[in-house]
Amino acid sequence: MAKSGNNHVVPEARAALDKFKMEAASDVGVNLKQGYNGDLTSREAGSVGGQMVKRMIEAYEKSMK
């Protein structure tokens, strides 16, 4: 049975991911709200995702030192 993309192995991780996403959105000036954000442009959504990846890479590089 295949899992959908919204199922997390660790359900408690959802709150942490949502907080991380909100912080990344704030960093790039995108106004996210709780719940549905389907009114975002592709550029806005992409900038949030890009900021999240950038911060994850920075954290990984910092942990390697």
PDB file of N, CA and C in Angstrom:
ATOM      1  N   MET A   1       0.844  -1.171   0.000  1.00  0.00           N
ATOM      2  CA  MET A   1       0.000   0.000   0.000  1.00  0.00           C
ATOM      3  C   MET A   1       0.896   1.244   0.000  1.00  0.00           C
ATOM      4  N   ALA A   2       0.677   2.146  -0.911  1.00  0.00           N
ATOM      5  CA  ALA A   2       1.487   3.359  -1.025  1.00  0.00           C
ATOM      6  C   ALA A   2       0.999   4.409  -0.038  1.00  0.00           C
ATOM      7  N   LYS A   3       1.960   5.155   0.490  1.00  0.00           N
ATOM      8  CA  LYS A   3       1.622   6.255   1.397  1.00  0.00           C
ATOM      9  C   LYS A   3       1.456   7.527   0.598  1.00  0.00           C
ATOM     10  N   SER A   4       0.553   8.390   1.038  1.00  0.00           N
ATOM     11  CA  SER A   4       0.434   9.684   0.378  1.00  0.00           C
ATOM     12  C   SER A   4       1.540  10.596   0.895  1.00  0.00           C
ATOM     13  N   GLY A   5       1.786  11.677   0.214  1.00  0.00           N
ATOM     14  CA  GLY A   5       2.863  12.597   0.576  1.00  0.00           C
ATOM     15  C   GLY A   5       2.655  13.304   1.903  1.00  0.00           C
ATOM     16  N   ASN A   6       1.450  13.310   2.439  1.00  0.00           N
ATOM     17  CA  ASN A   6       1.180  14.025   3.685  1.00  0.00           C
ATOM     18  C   ASN A   6       1.350  13.172   4.934  1.00  0.00           C
ATOM     19  N   ASN A   7       1.665  11.894   4.783  1.00  0.00           N
ATOM     20  CA  ASN A   7       1.871  11.032   5.942  1.00  0.00           C
ATOM     21  C   ASN A   7       3.338  11.075   6.340  1.00  0.00           C
ATOM     22  N   HIS A   8       3.579  11.367   7.599  1.00  0.00           N
ATOM     23  CA  HIS A   8       4.946  11.427   8.105  1.00  0.00           C
ATOM     24  C   HIS A   8       5.236  10.191   8.941  1.00  0.00           C
ATOM     25  N   VAL A   9       6.468   9.741   8.886  1.00  0.00           N
ATOM     26  CA  VAL A   9       6.872   8.603   9.690  1.00  0.00           C
ATOM     27  C   VAL A   9       6.757   8.964  11.166  1.00  0.00           C
ATOM     28  N   VAL A  10       7.130  10.189  11.506  1.00  0.00           N
ATOM     29  CA  VAL A  10       7.036  10.678  12.881  1.00  0.00           C
ATOM     30  C   VAL A  10       6.007  11.816  12.899  1.00  0.00           C
ATOM     31  N   PRO A  11       4.794  11.540  13.338  1.00  0.00           N
ATOM     32  CA  PRO A  11       3.744  12.572  13.290  1.00  0.00           C
ATOM     33  C   PRO A  11       4.113  13.867  14.019  1.00  0.00           C
ATOM     34  N   GLU A  12       4.922  13.772  15.066  1.00  0.00           N
ATOM     35  CA  GLU A  12       5.311  14.964  15.819  1.00  0.00           C
ATOM     36  C   GLU A  12       6.177  15.899  14.977  1.00  0.00           C
ATOM     37  N   ALA A  13       6.725  15.386  13.899  1.00  0.00           N
ATOM     38  CA  ALA A  13       7.581  16.210  13.044  1.00  0.00           C
ATOM     39  C   ALA A  13       6.784  17.276  12.297  1.00  0.00           C
ATOM     40  N   ARG A  14       5.483  17.070  12.126  1.00  0.00           N
ATOM     41  CA  ARG A  14       4.673  18.037  11.378  1.00  0.00           C
ATOM     42  C   ARG A  14       4.754  19.429  11.985  1.00  0.00           C
ATOM     43  N   ALA A  15       4.640  19.557  13.294  1.00  0.00           N
ATOM     44  CA  ALA A  15       4.686  20.872  13.944  1.00  0.00           C
ATOM     45  C   ALA A  15       6.036  21.535  13.714  1.00  0.00           C
ATOM     46  N   ALA A  16       7.110  20.765  13.820  1.00  0.00           N
ATOM     47  CA  ALA A  16       8.445  21.319  13.602  1.00  0.00           C
ATOM     48  C   ALA A  16       8.623  21.764  12.155  1.00  0.00           C
ATOM     49  N   LEU A  17       8.122  20.976  11.206  1.00  0.00           N
ATOM     50  CA  LEU A  17       8.217  21.341   9.798  1.00  0.00           C
ATOM     51  C   LEU A  17       7.380  22.579   9.484  1.00  0.00           C
ATOM     52  N   ASP A  18       6.198  22.668  10.079  1.00  0.00           N
ATOM     53  CA  ASP A  18       5.357  23.844   9.868  1.00  0.00           C
ATOM     54  C   ASP A  18       6.030  25.106  10.418  1.00  0.00           C
ATOM     55  N   LYS A  19       6.656  24.990  11.587  1.00  0.00           N
ATOM     56  CA  LYS A  19       7.366  26.130  12.176  1.00  0.00           C
ATOM     57  C   LYS A  19       8.539  26.536  11.290  1.00  0.00           C
ATOM     58  N   PHE A  20       9.277  25.553  10.814  1.00  0.00           N
ATOM     59  CA  PHE A  20      10.414  25.800   9.929  1.00  0.00           C
ATOM     60  C   PHE A  20       9.955  26.496   8.648  1.00  0.00           C
ATOM     61  N   LYS A  21       8.842  26.033   8.091  1.00  0.00           N
ATOM     62  CA  LYS A  21       8.299  26.623   6.861  1.00  0.00           C
ATOM     63  C   LYS A  21       7.879  28.075   7.099  1.00  0.00           C
ATOM     64  N   MET A  22       7.247  28.350   8.224  1.00  0.00           N
ATOM     65  CA  MET A  22       6.816  29.720   8.536  1.00  0.00           C
ATOM     66  C   MET A  22       8.021  30.647   8.701  1.00  0.00           C
ATOM     67  N   GLU A  23       9.082  30.147   9.360  1.00  0.00           N
ATOM     68  CA  GLU A  23      10.291  30.951   9.534  1.00  0.00           C
ATOM     69  C   GLU A  23      10.943  31.240   8.181  1.00  0.00           C
ATOM     70  N   ALA A  24      11.011  30.244   7.314  1.00  0.00           N
ATOM     71  CA  ALA A  24      11.598  30.426   5.986  1.00  0.00           C
ATOM     72  C   ALA A  24      10.776  31.417   5.167  1.00  0.00           C
ATOM     73  N   ALA A  25       9.461  31.320   5.255  1.00  0.00           N
ATOM     74  CA  ALA A  25       8.592  32.250   4.528  1.00  0.00           C
ATOM     75  C   ALA A  25       8.797  33.675   5.021  1.00  0.00           C
ATOM     76  N   SER A  26       8.920  33.830   6.315  1.00  0.00           N
ATOM     77  CA  SER A  26       9.167  35.153   6.888  1.00  0.00           C
ATOM     78  C   SER A  26      10.493  35.720   6.396  1.00  0.00           C
ATOM     79  N   ASP A  27      11.516  34.864   6.304  1.00  0.00           N
ATOM     80  CA  ASP A  27      12.839  35.295   5.836  1.00  0.00           C
ATOM     81  C   ASP A  27      12.789  35.877   4.429  1.00  0.00           C
ATOM     82  N   VAL A  28      11.941  35.320   3.565  1.00  0.00           N
ATOM     83  CA  VAL A  28      11.878  35.777   2.176  1.00  0.00           C
ATOM     84  C   VAL A  28      10.691  36.710   1.915  1.00  0.00           C
ATOM     85  N   GLY A  29       9.971  37.072   2.960  1.00  0.00           N
ATOM     86  CA  GLY A  29       8.884  38.046   2.832  1.00  0.00           C
ATOM     87  C   GLY A  29       7.597  37.508   2.237  1.00  0.00           C
ATOM     88  N   VAL A  30       7.348  36.219   2.390  1.00  0.00           N
ATOM     89  CA  VAL A  30       6.109  35.616   1.906  1.00  0.00           C
ATOM     90  C   VAL A  30       5.174  35.447   3.087  1.00  0.00           C
ATOM     91  N   ASN A  31       3.937  35.910   2.920  1.00  0.00           N
ATOM     92  CA  ASN A  31       2.961  35.852   4.004  1.00  0.00           C
ATOM     93  C   ASN A  31       2.197  34.535   3.945  1.00  0.00           C
ATOM     94  N   LEU A  32       2.666  33.549   4.723  1.00  0.00           N
ATOM     95  CA  LEU A  32       1.957  32.263   4.818  1.00  0.00           C
ATOM     96  C   LEU A  32       0.947  32.343   5.941  1.00  0.00           C
ATOM     97  N   LYS A  33      -0.126  31.619   5.778  1.00  0.00           N
ATOM     98  CA  LYS A  33      -1.121  31.515   6.845  1.00  0.00           C
ATOM     99  C   LYS A  33      -1.298  30.047   7.202  1.00  0.00           C
ATOM    100  N   GLN A  34      -1.853  29.783   8.349  1.00  0.00           N
ATOM    101  CA  GLN A  34      -2.121  28.406   8.751  1.00  0.00           C
ATOM    102  C   GLN A  34      -3.160  27.825   7.801  1.00  0.00           C
ATOM    103  N   GLY A  35      -2.972  26.586   7.420  1.00  0.00           N
ATOM    104  CA  GLY A  35      -3.931  25.927   6.544  1.00  0.00           C
ATOM    105  C   GLY A  35      -3.614  26.127   5.079  1.00  0.00           C
ATOM    106  N   TYR A  36      -4.634  26.381   4.293  1.00  0.00           N
ATOM    107  CA  TYR A  36      -4.539  26.439   2.839  1.00  0.00           C
ATOM    108  C   TYR A  36      -3.777  27.678   2.369  1.00  0.00           C
ATOM    109  N   ASN A  37      -2.785  27.471   1.508  1.00  0.00           N
ATOM    110  CA  ASN A  37      -2.025  28.576   0.926  1.00  0.00           C
ATOM    111  C   ASN A  37      -1.991  28.466  -0.595  1.00  0.00           C
ATOM    112  N   GLY A  38      -3.069  27.962  -1.177  1.00  0.00           N
ATOM    113  CA  GLY A  38      -3.146  27.761  -2.614  1.00  0.00           C
ATOM    114  C   GLY A  38      -3.172  29.042  -3.418  1.00  0.00           C
ATOM    115  N   ASP A  39      -3.299  30.169  -2.747  1.00  0.00           N
ATOM    116  CA  ASP A  39      -3.320  31.446  -3.455  1.00  0.00           C
ATOM    117  C   ASP A  39      -1.916  32.012  -3.681  1.00  0.00           C
ATOM    118  N   LEU A  40      -0.884  31.303  -3.226  1.00  0.00           N
ATOM    119  CA  LEU A  40       0.487  31.750  -3.458  1.00  0.00           C
ATOM    120  C   LEU A  40       0.861  31.561  -4.920  1.00  0.00           C
ATOM    121  N   THR A  41       1.716  32.444  -5.413  1.00  0.00           N
ATOM    122  CA  THR A  41       2.237  32.249  -6.760  1.00  0.00           C
ATOM    123  C   THR A  41       3.305  31.169  -6.725  1.00  0.00           C
ATOM    124  N   SER A  42       3.628  30.639  -7.889  1.00  0.00           N
ATOM    125  CA  SER A  42       4.697  29.635  -7.966  1.00  0.00           C
ATOM    126  C   SER A  42       6.011  30.230  -7.480  1.00  0.00           C
ATOM    127  N   ARG A  43       6.252  31.483  -7.803  1.00  0.00           N
ATOM    128  CA  ARG A  43       7.482  32.164  -7.375  1.00  0.00           C
ATOM    129  C   ARG A  43       7.553  32.236  -5.850  1.00  0.00           C
ATOM    130  N   GLU A  44       6.445  32.594  -5.203  1.00  0.00           N
ATOM    131  CA  GLU A  44       6.425  32.680  -3.744  1.00  0.00           C
ATOM    132  C   GLU A  44       6.647  31.311  -3.106  1.00  0.00           C
ATOM    133  N   ALA A  45       5.927  30.316  -3.590  1.00  0.00           N
ATOM    134  CA  ALA A  45       6.066  28.963  -3.031  1.00  0.00           C
ATOM    135  C   ALA A  45       7.488  28.446  -3.242  1.00  0.00           C
ATOM    136  N   GLY A  46       8.040  28.696  -4.413  1.00  0.00           N
ATOM    137  CA  GLY A  46       9.401  28.262  -4.709  1.00  0.00           C
ATOM    138  C   GLY A  46      10.434  28.956  -3.854  1.00  0.00           C
ATOM    139  N   SER A  47      10.203  30.235  -3.565  1.00  0.00           N
ATOM    140  CA  SER A  47      11.170  30.949  -2.729  1.00  0.00           C
ATOM    141  C   SER A  47      11.150  30.426  -1.300  1.00  0.00           C
ATOM    142  N   VAL A  48       9.994  30.014  -0.817  1.00  0.00           N
ATOM    143  CA  VAL A  48       9.914  29.424   0.523  1.00  0.00           C
ATOM    144  C   VAL A  48      10.656  28.090   0.540  1.00  0.00           C
ATOM    145  N   GLY A  49      10.383  27.235  -0.431  1.00  0.00           N
ATOM    146  CA  GLY A  49      11.067  25.944  -0.512  1.00  0.00           C
ATOM    147  C   GLY A  49      12.566  26.114  -0.681  1.00  0.00           C
ATOM    148  N   GLY A  50      12.961  27.061  -1.507  1.00  0.00           N
ATOM    149  CA  GLY A  50      14.387  27.321  -1.718  1.00  0.00           C
ATOM    150  C   GLY A  50      15.074  27.784  -0.450  1.00  0.00           C
ATOM    151  N   GLN A  51      14.402  28.637   0.314  1.00  0.00           N
ATOM    152  CA  GLN A  51      14.960  29.121   1.577  1.00  0.00           C
ATOM    153  C   GLN A  51      15.094  27.975   2.574  1.00  0.00           C
ATOM    154  N   MET A  52      14.121  27.063   2.574  1.00  0.00           N
ATOM    155  CA  MET A  52      14.196  25.913   3.478  1.00  0.00           C
ATOM    156  C   MET A  52      15.404  25.046   3.124  1.00  0.00           C
ATOM    157  N   VAL A  53      15.600  24.780   1.837  1.00  0.00           N
ATOM    158  CA  VAL A  53      16.737  23.971   1.405  1.00  0.00           C
ATOM    159  C   VAL A  53      18.050  24.670   1.755  1.00  0.00           C
ATOM    160  N   LYS A  54      18.110  25.967   1.509  1.00  0.00           N
ATOM    161  CA  LYS A  54      19.318  26.726   1.829  1.00  0.00           C
ATOM    162  C   LYS A  54      19.669  26.602   3.309  1.00  0.00           C
ATOM    163  N   ARG A  55      18.669  26.738   4.174  1.00  0.00           N
ATOM    164  CA  ARG A  55      18.919  26.646   5.615  1.00  0.00           C
ATOM    165  C   ARG A  55      19.311  25.230   6.028  1.00  0.00           C
ATOM    166  N   MET A  56      18.727  24.214   5.383  1.00  0.00           N
ATOM    167  CA  MET A  56      19.104  22.828   5.700  1.00  0.00           C
ATOM    168  C   MET A  56      20.547  22.554   5.291  1.00  0.00           C
ATOM    169  N   ILE A  57      20.949  23.062   4.134  1.00  0.00           N
ATOM    170  CA  ILE A  57      22.336  22.876   3.683  1.00  0.00           C
ATOM    171  C   ILE A  57      23.295  23.588   4.621  1.00  0.00           C
ATOM    172  N   GLU A  58      22.968  24.817   5.020  1.00  0.00           N
ATOM    173  CA  GLU A  58      23.822  25.557   5.946  1.00  0.00           C
ATOM    174  C   GLU A  58      23.964  24.808   7.267  1.00  0.00           C
ATOM    175  N   ALA A  59      22.871  24.258   7.780  1.00  0.00           N
ATOM    176  CA  ALA A  59      22.933  23.502   9.035  1.00  0.00           C
ATOM    177  C   ALA A  59      23.797  22.252   8.892  1.00  0.00           C
ATOM    178  N   TYR A  60      23.665  21.577   7.751  1.00  0.00           N
ATOM    179  CA  TYR A  60      24.473  20.378   7.520  1.00  0.00           C
ATOM    180  C   TYR A  60      25.954  20.733   7.433  1.00  0.00           C
ATOM    181  N   GLU A  61      26.271  21.787   6.671  1.00  0.00           N
ATOM    182  CA  GLU A  61      27.667  22.196   6.537  1.00  0.00           C
ATOM    183  C   GLU A  61      28.258  22.601   7.890  1.00  0.00           C
ATOM    184  N   LYS A  62      27.451  23.271   8.696  1.00  0.00           N
ATOM    185  CA  LYS A  62      27.910  23.679  10.024  1.00  0.00           C
ATOM    186  C   LYS A  62      28.184  22.451  10.901  1.00  0.00           C
ATOM    187  N   SER A  63      27.357  21.417  10.759  1.00  0.00           N
ATOM    188  CA  SER A  63      27.546  20.203  11.566  1.00  0.00           C
ATOM    189  C   SER A  63      28.770  19.417  11.138  1.00  0.00           C
ATOM    190  N   MET A  64      29.233  19.633   9.919  1.00  0.00           N
ATOM    191  CA  MET A  64      30.408  18.915   9.401  1.00  0.00           C
ATOM    192  C   MET A  64      31.717  19.492   9.916  1.00  0.00           C
ATOM    193  N   LYS A  65      31.691  20.707  10.459  1.00  0.00           N
ATOM    194  CA  LYS A  65      32.924  21.366  10.918  1.00  0.00           C
ATOM    195  C   LYS A  65      33.334  20.901  12.285  1.00  0.00           C
TER     196      LYS A  65
END
